[in-house]
Each structure stands twice: as C-alpha cells, then as structure tokens.
C-alpha cells in the first residue's frame, strides 16, 4: 500500500558521529533519497555573513546603538579559520560555525556592559572584548594531546592573536608603522583599560606617534568616530604584537618587543619581508 503523504524526512549528523559513534543501519540508509555533504565556509567573507546572520546583535535594551566595525567582524571569524588549521585542535571533531557566533554574542555583550558602566551611547566592540569572550572559544575546542598539555585558554589566546595578525596584515599591511614601533622601542608603554570611555582611551592613543594618522590613512575609522577609532587602534597594536614587533602583557599593557622575539626592523607585516609565516 502506498500513501501519498506530503512529508520529507531529513537526517543530519556530524561526520565523526556518522562514521564512528552511531552509524545508520544499512536498511535505513538504503531508503535515504540523497546524501548531501556539507562543509565549513570556504571564505572569511561567507563565514562572516553567516555569523552576523545568526548572532544576537539586534538588541532592544535601552537606547544604545550597536555598531560592529567590519574589521572586528572579520577578526572574530578568523578565530574559527585559524582553529580549523591548528594542529593542536582535533580536526575530526572540527570547529563548528557556532564558535564565531558565540564569540560575537559574547563580544557584543561585554561591549554593552562596558557602555552601561561608562554611560556611553554607542556599543562598539574592541580587541579587549574578544579576550573577554575566551569562554566562548575554550568551550568549543576539542584538543589533541599537545593542545591538552598547553591548555585551552593558552590556545584560545594564541588564536585571537593570530586572527588579529591576519586581519591587520590584510587591512594595514604595506603601511609604514616604523614611527609606532620606534616609540615603543625607545621605552614608550601604553596601558589599555578595557572599561575606559572611548574619549579617554583616544587621548592615550594620541601619544603614540603616527598611530591615529595610520588609522586615517588606511581607512579603518573616521576621526569623528572616537569609539571606532579606539577599536582600530587596538587592532593595530594587536597586529604588531602578532608580528612580534611590540609585546603585550596579560593585562593589555603594550611595550617594546623582547629582543629574542623581535624580527629585524622593517621585516614586520608592513615591511618588505612580510609573509604569512609571521602569524603561524
């Protein structure tokens, strides 16, 4: 007897689950009409679009506008791309798209908390907000033996650093950052307070020669938008940390690079010797 029911059944399973943990029995598999093989986003742009579509960024609390700079959205997405290529992360379990979605949720939440405390009007995420979202990364990584030895938090921080480096390389690479690096080499130091108001941080960034000019030159942010300028400044500094041209302490203090880790001057991402290996 054949019943003409307007019903479609869809089976889904992670690749590891399907092949090892709960294999579908042969008679049932024989009745599946089509098997569709899926994959992770192949480009950062596509991944970013999916993440922004699924993340909780449209919030109606209060009168605070939420604005996510495109370079911050890219950085968050690159964390997942870096994790998928990291040998310390179990590739069989993979790194799902839920990782950048959760990170973006947490980043916006932390930025929103800061704005409430500082009584600002606009929520604009910064690098410090990404570090505050570490639990959204560590909880979604299955680690290999080497990764377990190093610890999930150490690996998560390394992924953020590398993602910042790639984003910096793509958006600022080729620009002259010598004045910025030289200021730190001469003993300059900068402490970024995560909960500080944008205007106050912007005053601190003005002491670094060439930093604000670089932001304007490469088009990361307009000078009339202090919150985005501050976010862009943190990206530049974090990118220089990733290139080992300056160093950063655990409490977001930026200082000159240690001599044993610093590459020859001019060989960073903005110099003639730039290359992907700087961020591996």
C-alpha atoms as a PDB file:
ATOM      1  CA  UNK A   1       0.000   0.000   0.000  1.00  0.00           C
ATOM      2  CA  UNK A   2       1.379   3.431  -0.917  1.00  0.00           C
ATOM      3  CA  UNK A   3       0.226   6.518   0.991  1.00  0.00           C
ATOM      4  CA  UNK A   4       0.755   9.818  -0.774  1.00  0.00           C
ATOM      5  CA  UNK A   5       1.926  11.812   2.233  1.00  0.00           C
ATOM      6  CA  UNK A   6       3.411  15.261   1.738  1.00  0.00           C
ATOM      7  CA  UNK A   7       6.225  14.586   4.203  1.00  0.00           C
ATOM      8  CA  UNK A   8      10.007  14.864   3.889  1.00  0.00           C
ATOM      9  CA  UNK A   9      12.434  13.349   6.401  1.00  0.00           C
ATOM     10  CA  UNK A  10      15.845  14.949   6.834  1.00  0.00           C
ATOM     11  CA  UNK A  11      18.634  13.204   8.766  1.00  0.00           C
ATOM     12  CA  UNK A  12      21.608  15.216   9.984  1.00  0.00           C
ATOM     13  CA  UNK A  13      24.809  14.106  11.704  1.00  0.00           C
ATOM     14  CA  UNK A  14      28.349  15.350  12.234  1.00  0.00           C
ATOM     15  CA  UNK A  15      30.853  13.390  10.116  1.00  0.00           C
ATOM     16  CA  UNK A  16      32.519  11.852  13.168  1.00  0.00           C
ATOM     17  CA  UNK A  17      29.168  10.863  14.666  1.00  0.00           C
ATOM     18  CA  UNK A  18      28.032   9.280  11.420  1.00  0.00           C
ATOM     19  CA  UNK A  19      31.109   7.177  10.792  1.00  0.00           C
ATOM     20  CA  UNK A  20      32.133   6.114  14.285  1.00  0.00           C
ATOM     21  CA  UNK A  21      29.634   6.658  17.052  1.00  0.00           C
ATOM     22  CA  UNK A  22      26.169   5.977  15.695  1.00  0.00           C
ATOM     23  CA  UNK A  23      26.248   4.549  12.198  1.00  0.00           C
ATOM     24  CA  UNK A  24      22.886   4.377  10.441  1.00  0.00           C
ATOM     25  CA  UNK A  25      21.845   0.758   9.812  1.00  0.00           C
ATOM     26  CA  UNK A  26      22.069  -0.430   6.216  1.00  0.00           C
ATOM     27  CA  UNK A  27      18.305  -0.965   5.527  1.00  0.00           C
ATOM     28  CA  UNK A  28      17.555   2.562   6.734  1.00  0.00           C
ATOM     29  CA  UNK A  29      20.438   4.091   4.828  1.00  0.00           C
ATOM     30  CA  UNK A  30      19.210   2.369   1.656  1.00  0.00           C
ATOM     31  CA  UNK A  31      15.976   4.334   1.942  1.00  0.00           C
ATOM     32  CA  UNK A  32      17.600   7.748   2.143  1.00  0.00           C
ATOM     33  CA  UNK A  33      16.974   9.513  -1.151  1.00  0.00           C
ATOM     34  CA  UNK A  34      20.059  11.732  -1.282  1.00  0.00           C
ATOM     35  CA  UNK A  35      23.125  12.302   0.833  1.00  0.00           C
ATOM     36  CA  UNK A  36      24.334  15.902   0.924  1.00  0.00           C
ATOM     37  CA  UNK A  37      27.910  16.518   2.027  1.00  0.00           C
ATOM     38  CA  UNK A  38      28.319  19.853   3.767  1.00  0.00           C
ATOM     39  CA  UNK A  39      31.428  21.837   4.648  1.00  0.00           C
ATOM     40  CA  UNK A  40      32.550  24.852   6.635  1.00  0.00           C
ATOM     41  CA  UNK A  41      32.503  28.290   4.944  1.00  0.00           C
ATOM     42  CA  UNK A  42      35.288  28.417   2.382  1.00  0.00           C
ATOM     43  CA  UNK A  43      35.906  32.160   2.719  1.00  0.00           C
ATOM     44  CA  UNK A  44      36.070  34.546   5.650  1.00  0.00           C
ATOM     45  CA  UNK A  45      33.508  36.772   3.923  1.00  0.00           C
ATOM     46  CA  UNK A  46      30.948  33.958   3.718  1.00  0.00           C
ATOM     47  CA  UNK A  47      31.627  32.884   7.297  1.00  0.00           C
ATOM     48  CA  UNK A  48      31.204  36.470   8.492  1.00  0.00           C
ATOM     49  CA  UNK A  49      27.858  36.760   6.714  1.00  0.00           C
ATOM     50  CA  UNK A  50      26.606  33.551   8.359  1.00  0.00           C
ATOM     51  CA  UNK A  51      27.855  34.604  11.781  1.00  0.00           C
ATOM     52  CA  UNK A  52      26.242  38.041  11.620  1.00  0.00           C
ATOM     53  CA  UNK A  53      23.007  36.470  10.410  1.00  0.00           C
ATOM     54  CA  UNK A  54      22.843  34.044  13.332  1.00  0.00           C
ATOM     55  CA  UNK A  55      24.390  36.046  16.195  1.00  0.00           C
ATOM     56  CA  UNK A  56      22.309  38.021  18.674  1.00  0.00           C
ATOM     57  CA  UNK A  57      23.357  41.534  17.754  1.00  0.00           C
ATOM     58  CA  UNK A  58      19.960  43.180  17.278  1.00  0.00           C
ATOM     59  CA  UNK A  59      19.126  44.047  20.878  1.00  0.00           C
ATOM     60  CA  UNK A  60      16.366  46.334  22.035  1.00  0.00           C
ATOM     61  CA  UNK A  61      17.593  47.127  25.539  1.00  0.00           C
ATOM     62  CA  UNK A  62      17.846  50.843  26.295  1.00  0.00           C
ATOM     63  CA  UNK A  63      18.707  53.484  23.743  1.00  0.00           C
ATOM     64  CA  UNK A  64      22.180  52.189  22.921  1.00  0.00           C
ATOM     65  CA  UNK A  65      23.036  51.620  19.264  1.00  0.00           C
ATOM     66  CA  UNK A  66      25.244  48.613  18.438  1.00  0.00           C
ATOM     67  CA  UNK A  67      27.799  49.043  15.675  1.00  0.00           C
ATOM     68  CA  UNK A  68      30.283  46.294  14.801  1.00  0.00           C
ATOM     69  CA  UNK A  69      33.253  47.527  12.715  1.00  0.00           C
ATOM     70  CA  UNK A  70      33.870  45.294   9.718  1.00  0.00           C
ATOM     71  CA  UNK A  71      37.451  44.637  10.832  1.00  0.00           C
ATOM     72  CA  UNK A  72      36.160  43.325  14.177  1.00  0.00           C
ATOM     73  CA  UNK A  73      33.661  41.038  12.438  1.00  0.00           C
ATOM     74  CA  UNK A  74      36.498  39.733  10.264  1.00  0.00           C
ATOM     75  CA  UNK A  75      38.801  39.179  13.251  1.00  0.00           C
ATOM     76  CA  UNK A  76      36.142  37.163  15.095  1.00  0.00           C
ATOM     77  CA  UNK A  77      35.529  34.990  12.046  1.00  0.00           C
ATOM     78  CA  UNK A  78      39.243  34.399  11.540  1.00  0.00           C
ATOM     79  CA  UNK A  79      39.463  32.838  15.007  1.00  0.00           C
ATOM     80  CA  UNK A  80      37.460  29.890  13.683  1.00  0.00           C
ATOM     81  CA  UNK A  81      39.512  29.720  10.473  1.00  0.00           C
ATOM     82  CA  UNK A  82      42.754  29.680  12.473  1.00  0.00           C
ATOM     83  CA  UNK A  83      41.386  26.985  14.791  1.00  0.00           C
ATOM     84  CA  UNK A  84      40.443  24.757  11.858  1.00  0.00           C
ATOM     85  CA  UNK A  85      44.048  24.836  10.664  1.00  0.00           C
ATOM     86  CA  UNK A  86      45.666  24.436  14.082  1.00  0.00           C
ATOM     87  CA  UNK A  87      47.293  21.035  14.623  1.00  0.00           C
ATOM     88  CA  UNK A  88      46.574  21.254  18.346  1.00  0.00           C
ATOM     89  CA  UNK A  89      42.826  21.191  17.646  1.00  0.00           C
ATOM     90  CA  UNK A  90      41.132  17.854  16.895  1.00  0.00           C
ATOM     91  CA  UNK A  91      40.150  18.083  13.232  1.00  0.00           C
ATOM     92  CA  UNK A  92      37.875  15.053  13.437  1.00  0.00           C
ATOM     93  CA  UNK A  93      35.597  16.882  15.839  1.00  0.00           C
ATOM     94  CA  UNK A  94      36.109  20.074  13.877  1.00  0.00           C
ATOM     95  CA  UNK A  95      35.365  23.693  14.749  1.00  0.00           C
ATOM     96  CA  UNK A  96      31.750  24.490  14.030  1.00  0.00           C
ATOM     97  CA  UNK A  97      30.266  27.786  12.924  1.00  0.00           C
ATOM     98  CA  UNK A  98      28.783  28.052  16.396  1.00  0.00           C
ATOM     99  CA  UNK A  99      32.210  29.171  17.676  1.00  0.00           C
ATOM    100  CA  UNK A 100      32.336  32.581  15.927  1.00  0.00           C
ATOM    101  CA  UNK A 101      28.596  33.028  16.511  1.00  0.00           C
ATOM    102  CA  UNK A 102      29.046  32.552  20.263  1.00  0.00           C
ATOM    103  CA  UNK A 103      32.168  34.714  20.281  1.00  0.00           C
ATOM    104  CA  UNK A 104      30.323  37.568  18.565  1.00  0.00           C
ATOM    105  CA  UNK A 105      27.441  37.226  21.047  1.00  0.00           C
ATOM    106  CA  UNK A 106      29.861  37.452  23.976  1.00  0.00           C
ATOM    107  CA  UNK A 107      31.906  40.263  22.436  1.00  0.00           C
ATOM    108  CA  UNK A 108      28.816  42.418  21.946  1.00  0.00           C
ATOM    109  CA  UNK A 109      27.597  41.589  25.463  1.00  0.00           C
ATOM    110  CA  UNK A 110      30.896  42.663  27.025  1.00  0.00           C
ATOM    111  CA  UNK A 111      30.977  45.842  24.959  1.00  0.00           C
ATOM    112  CA  UNK A 112      27.388  46.528  26.002  1.00  0.00           C
ATOM    113  CA  UNK A 113      28.301  46.017  29.668  1.00  0.00           C
ATOM    114  CA  UNK A 114      31.178  48.493  29.313  1.00  0.00           C
ATOM    115  CA  UNK A 115      28.923  51.092  27.714  1.00  0.00           C
ATOM    116  CA  UNK A 116      26.407  50.743  30.545  1.00  0.00           C
ATOM    117  CA  UNK A 117      29.171  51.242  33.125  1.00  0.00           C
ATOM    118  CA  UNK A 118      30.786  54.167  31.296  1.00  0.00           C
ATOM    119  CA  UNK A 119      27.426  55.707  30.297  1.00  0.00           C
ATOM    120  CA  UNK A 120      28.296  55.925  26.616  1.00  0.00           C
ATOM    121  CA  UNK A 121      25.614  55.765  23.928  1.00  0.00           C
ATOM    122  CA  UNK A 122      27.094  53.518  21.253  1.00  0.00           C
ATOM    123  CA  UNK A 123      28.276  49.920  21.624  1.00  0.00           C
ATOM    124  CA  UNK A 124      31.434  49.334  19.562  1.00  0.00           C
ATOM    125  CA  UNK A 125      33.441  46.133  20.277  1.00  0.00           C
ATOM    126  CA  UNK A 126      37.214  46.229  20.803  1.00  0.00           C
ATOM    127  CA  UNK A 127      40.032  43.671  20.970  1.00  0.00           C
ATOM    128  CA  UNK A 128      39.718  43.653  24.758  1.00  0.00           C
ATOM    129  CA  UNK A 129      36.122  42.443  24.349  1.00  0.00           C
ATOM    130  CA  UNK A 130      37.360  39.488  22.274  1.00  0.00           C
ATOM    131  CA  UNK A 131      39.690  38.464  25.088  1.00  0.00           C
ATOM    132  CA  UNK A 132      36.737  38.736  27.472  1.00  0.00           C
ATOM    133  CA  UNK A 133      34.951  36.188  25.257  1.00  0.00           C
ATOM    134  CA  UNK A 134      37.548  33.441  25.874  1.00  0.00           C
ATOM    135  CA  UNK A 135      34.955  31.044  27.387  1.00  0.00           C
ATOM    136  CA  UNK A 136      33.092  31.090  24.069  1.00  0.00           C
ATOM    137  CA  UNK A 137      36.243  29.688  22.428  1.00  0.00           C
ATOM    138  CA  UNK A 138      37.592  27.254  25.014  1.00  0.00           C
ATOM    139  CA  UNK A 139      34.246  25.510  25.395  1.00  0.00           C
ATOM    140  CA  UNK A 140      34.053  24.682  21.703  1.00  0.00           C
ATOM    141  CA  UNK A 141      37.500  23.217  21.050  1.00  0.00           C
ATOM    142  CA  UNK A 142      38.359  19.529  21.201  1.00  0.00           C
ATOM    143  CA  UNK A 143      42.128  19.403  21.647  1.00  0.00           C
ATOM    144  CA  UNK A 144      44.779  16.920  20.616  1.00  0.00           C
ATOM    145  CA  UNK A 145      47.323  15.698  23.160  1.00  0.00           C
ATOM    146  CA  UNK A 146      49.688  18.624  22.511  1.00  0.00           C
ATOM    147  CA  UNK A 147      46.832  21.052  22.922  1.00  0.00           C
ATOM    148  CA  UNK A 148      45.761  19.474  26.207  1.00  0.00           C
ATOM    149  CA  UNK A 149      49.283  19.951  27.538  1.00  0.00           C
ATOM    150  CA  UNK A 150      49.256  23.654  26.667  1.00  0.00           C
ATOM    151  CA  UNK A 151      45.718  24.274  27.884  1.00  0.00           C
ATOM    152  CA  UNK A 152      42.638  25.535  26.086  1.00  0.00           C
ATOM    153  CA  UNK A 153      42.962  29.105  27.346  1.00  0.00           C
ATOM    154  CA  UNK A 154      46.537  29.416  26.072  1.00  0.00           C
ATOM    155  CA  UNK A 155      45.481  28.128  22.664  1.00  0.00           C
ATOM    156  CA  UNK A 156      42.426  30.405  22.557  1.00  0.00           C
ATOM    157  CA  UNK A 157      44.595  33.473  23.249  1.00  0.00           C
ATOM    158  CA  UNK A 158      47.007  32.353  20.545  1.00  0.00           C
ATOM    159  CA  UNK A 159      44.111  32.003  18.083  1.00  0.00           C
ATOM    160  CA  UNK A 160      42.947  35.550  18.877  1.00  0.00           C
ATOM    161  CA  UNK A 161      46.476  36.881  18.382  1.00  0.00           C
ATOM    162  CA  UNK A 162      46.849  35.130  15.038  1.00  0.00           C
ATOM    163  CA  UNK A 163      43.383  36.223  13.884  1.00  0.00           C
ATOM    164  CA  UNK A 164      44.286  39.817  14.766  1.00  0.00           C
ATOM    165  CA  UNK A 165      47.550  39.420  12.863  1.00  0.00           C
ATOM    166  CA  UNK A 166      45.809  38.175   9.719  1.00  0.00           C
ATOM    167  CA  UNK A 167      43.241  40.955   9.890  1.00  0.00           C
ATOM    168  CA  UNK A 168      45.968  43.541  10.439  1.00  0.00           C
ATOM    169  CA  UNK A 169      48.001  42.121   7.576  1.00  0.00           C
ATOM    170  CA  UNK A 170      45.066  42.295   5.178  1.00  0.00           C
ATOM    171  CA  UNK A 171      43.937  45.798   6.112  1.00  0.00           C
ATOM    172  CA  UNK A 172      47.116  47.601   7.194  1.00  0.00           C
ATOM    173  CA  UNK A 173      49.903  45.550   5.615  1.00  0.00           C
ATOM    174  CA  UNK A 174      52.174  47.694   3.462  1.00  0.00           C
ATOM    175  CA  UNK A 175      51.663  50.854   5.508  1.00  0.00           C
ATOM    176  CA  UNK A 176      54.620  52.402   7.334  1.00  0.00           C
ATOM    177  CA  UNK A 177      54.480  51.564  11.050  1.00  0.00           C
ATOM    178  CA  UNK A 178      58.103  52.454  11.847  1.00  0.00           C
ATOM    179  CA  UNK A 179      57.230  55.507  13.954  1.00  0.00           C
ATOM    180  CA  UNK A 180      54.863  53.454  16.104  1.00  0.00           C
ATOM    181  CA  UNK A 181      57.360  50.649  16.657  1.00  0.00           C
ATOM    182  CA  UNK A 182      60.201  53.107  17.284  1.00  0.00           C
ATOM    183  CA  UNK A 183      58.199  54.841  20.035  1.00  0.00           C
ATOM    184  CA  UNK A 184      57.844  51.555  21.890  1.00  0.00           C
ATOM    185  CA  UNK A 185      61.496  50.675  21.219  1.00  0.00           C
ATOM    186  CA  UNK A 186      62.518  53.913  22.908  1.00  0.00           C
ATOM    187  CA  UNK A 187      60.720  52.905  26.095  1.00  0.00           C
ATOM    188  CA  UNK A 188      57.169  54.022  25.392  1.00  0.00           C
ATOM    189  CA  UNK A 189      54.450  51.984  27.075  1.00  0.00           C
ATOM    190  CA  UNK A 190      50.678  52.044  26.832  1.00  0.00           C
ATOM    191  CA  UNK A 191      48.092  50.505  29.153  1.00  0.00           C
ATOM    192  CA  UNK A 192      44.637  49.868  27.689  1.00  0.00           C
ATOM    193  CA  UNK A 193      41.908  49.794  30.336  1.00  0.00           C
ATOM    194  CA  UNK A 194      39.053  47.627  28.996  1.00  0.00           C
ATOM    195  CA  UNK A 195      36.259  49.568  30.710  1.00  0.00           C
ATOM    196  CA  UNK A 196      37.552  53.065  29.943  1.00  0.00           C
ATOM    197  CA  UNK A 197      35.457  55.503  27.917  1.00  0.00           C
ATOM    198  CA  UNK A 198      36.382  55.896  24.252  1.00  0.00           C
ATOM    199  CA  UNK A 199      37.313  59.582  24.588  1.00  0.00           C
ATOM    200  CA  UNK A 200      39.755  58.850  27.434  1.00  0.00           C
ATOM    201  CA  UNK A 201      41.428  55.984  25.562  1.00  0.00           C
ATOM    202  CA  UNK A 202      41.669  58.098  22.444  1.00  0.00           C
ATOM    203  CA  UNK A 203      43.678  60.689  24.378  1.00  0.00           C
ATOM    204  CA  UNK A 204      46.059  57.918  25.428  1.00  0.00           C
ATOM    205  CA  UNK A 205      46.496  56.700  21.858  1.00  0.00           C
ATOM    206  CA  UNK A 206      47.408  60.212  20.676  1.00  0.00           C
ATOM    207  CA  UNK A 207      50.770  59.937  22.474  1.00  0.00           C
ATOM    208  CA  UNK A 208      51.863  57.171  20.080  1.00  0.00           C
ATOM    209  CA  UNK A 209      53.384  58.914  17.029  1.00  0.00           C
ATOM    210  CA  UNK A 210      51.711  58.008  13.758  1.00  0.00           C
ATOM    211  CA  UNK A 211      49.035  55.734  15.227  1.00  0.00           C
ATOM    212  CA  UNK A 212      45.994  57.910  14.551  1.00  0.00           C
ATOM    213  CA  UNK A 213      47.433  59.007  11.200  1.00  0.00           C
ATOM    214  CA  UNK A 214      47.761  55.352  10.204  1.00  0.00           C
ATOM    215  CA  UNK A 215      44.129  54.656  11.138  1.00  0.00           C
ATOM    216  CA  UNK A 216      43.036  57.538   8.939  1.00  0.00           C
ATOM    217  CA  UNK A 217      45.423  56.641   6.110  1.00  0.00           C
ATOM    218  CA  UNK A 218      44.238  53.038   5.682  1.00  0.00           C
ATOM    219  CA  UNK A 219      40.585  53.924   6.245  1.00  0.00           C
ATOM    220  CA  UNK A 220      39.939  51.821   9.334  1.00  0.00           C
ATOM    221  CA  UNK A 221      37.902  54.551  11.026  1.00  0.00           C
ATOM    222  CA  UNK A 222      36.865  58.184  10.626  1.00  0.00           C
ATOM    223  CA  UNK A 223      38.374  60.587  13.152  1.00  0.00           C
ATOM    224  CA  UNK A 224      34.938  61.922  14.102  1.00  0.00           C
ATOM    225  CA  UNK A 225      34.020  58.453  15.432  1.00  0.00           C
ATOM    226  CA  UNK A 226      36.053  58.010  18.652  1.00  0.00           C
ATOM    227  CA  UNK A 227      34.649  54.571  19.550  1.00  0.00           C
ATOM    228  CA  UNK A 228      35.621  53.029  16.213  1.00  0.00           C
ATOM    229  CA  UNK A 229      38.988  54.801  16.205  1.00  0.00           C
ATOM    230  CA  UNK A 230      39.781  53.266  19.600  1.00  0.00           C
ATOM    231  CA  UNK A 231      38.784  49.818  18.299  1.00  0.00           C
ATOM    232  CA  UNK A 232      41.007  50.330  15.234  1.00  0.00           C
ATOM    233  CA  UNK A 233      43.945  51.440  17.404  1.00  0.00           C
ATOM    234  CA  UNK A 234      43.677  48.247  19.446  1.00  0.00           C
ATOM    235  CA  UNK A 235      43.668  46.234  16.200  1.00  0.00           C
ATOM    236  CA  UNK A 236      46.875  47.920  15.024  1.00  0.00           C
ATOM    237  CA  UNK A 237      48.630  47.318  18.344  1.00  0.00           C
ATOM    238  CA  UNK A 238      47.465  43.711  18.481  1.00  0.00           C
ATOM    239  CA  UNK A 239      48.613  43.198  14.895  1.00  0.00           C
ATOM    240  CA  UNK A 240      52.084  44.476  15.814  1.00  0.00           C
ATOM    241  CA  UNK A 241      52.083  42.087  18.773  1.00  0.00           C
ATOM    242  CA  UNK A 242      51.216  39.221  16.401  1.00  0.00           C
ATOM    243  CA  UNK A 243      54.127  40.249  14.176  1.00  0.00           C
ATOM    244  CA  UNK A 244      56.370  40.349  17.297  1.00  0.00           C
ATOM    245  CA  UNK A 245      57.305  43.975  16.696  1.00  0.00           C
ATOM    246  CA  UNK A 246      55.941  45.019  20.073  1.00  0.00           C
ATOM    247  CA  UNK A 247      54.847  42.983  23.088  1.00  0.00           C
ATOM    248  CA  UNK A 248      51.746  42.830  25.258  1.00  0.00           C
ATOM    249  CA  UNK A 249      51.321  41.761  28.849  1.00  0.00           C
ATOM    250  CA  UNK A 250      48.353  39.762  30.096  1.00  0.00           C
ATOM    251  CA  UNK A 251      46.653  42.928  31.375  1.00  0.00           C
ATOM    252  CA  UNK A 252      46.729  44.619  27.937  1.00  0.00           C
ATOM    253  CA  UNK A 253      49.855  46.663  28.520  1.00  0.00           C
ATOM    254  CA  UNK A 254      51.758  47.334  25.283  1.00  0.00           C
ATOM    255  CA  UNK A 255      55.556  47.674  25.494  1.00  0.00           C
ATOM    256  CA  UNK A 256      58.601  47.147  23.291  1.00  0.00           C
ATOM    257  CA  UNK A 257      59.261  43.664  21.992  1.00  0.00           C
ATOM    258  CA  UNK A 258      61.715  41.437  23.768  1.00  0.00           C
ATOM    259  CA  UNK A 259      64.969  41.282  21.834  1.00  0.00           C
ATOM    260  CA  UNK A 260      64.887  37.490  21.469  1.00  0.00           C
ATOM    261  CA  UNK A 261      61.465  37.522  19.794  1.00  0.00           C
ATOM    262  CA  UNK A 262      61.676  40.627  17.647  1.00  0.00           C
ATOM    263  CA  UNK A 263      62.372  40.212  13.894  1.00  0.00           C
ATOM    264  CA  UNK A 264      64.815  42.529  12.115  1.00  0.00           C
ATOM    265  CA  UNK A 265      63.472  46.072  11.877  1.00  0.00           C
ATOM    266  CA  UNK A 266      61.400  46.521   8.738  1.00  0.00           C
ATOM    267  CA  UNK A 267      60.560  42.811   8.482  1.00  0.00           C
ATOM    268  CA  UNK A 268      57.119  43.028  10.068  1.00  0.00           C
ATOM    269  CA  UNK A 269      53.844  42.834   8.145  1.00  0.00           C
ATOM    270  CA  UNK A 270      54.345  46.350   6.797  1.00  0.00           C
ATOM    271  CA  UNK A 271      57.916  45.772   5.664  1.00  0.00           C
ATOM    272  CA  UNK A 272      59.453  44.169   2.597  1.00  0.00           C
ATOM    273  CA  UNK A 273      59.825  40.819   4.307  1.00  0.00           C
ATOM    274  CA  UNK A 274      56.143  40.413   5.152  1.00  0.00           C
ATOM    275  CA  UNK A 275      54.745  36.934   4.800  1.00  0.00           C
ATOM    276  CA  UNK A 276      52.141  34.570   6.235  1.00  0.00           C
ATOM    277  CA  UNK A 277      54.765  32.743   8.301  1.00  0.00           C
ATOM    278  CA  UNK A 278      54.818  35.695  10.717  1.00  0.00           C
ATOM    279  CA  UNK A 279      51.489  34.594  12.091  1.00  0.00           C
ATOM    280  CA  UNK A 280      51.893  30.818  12.097  1.00  0.00           C
END
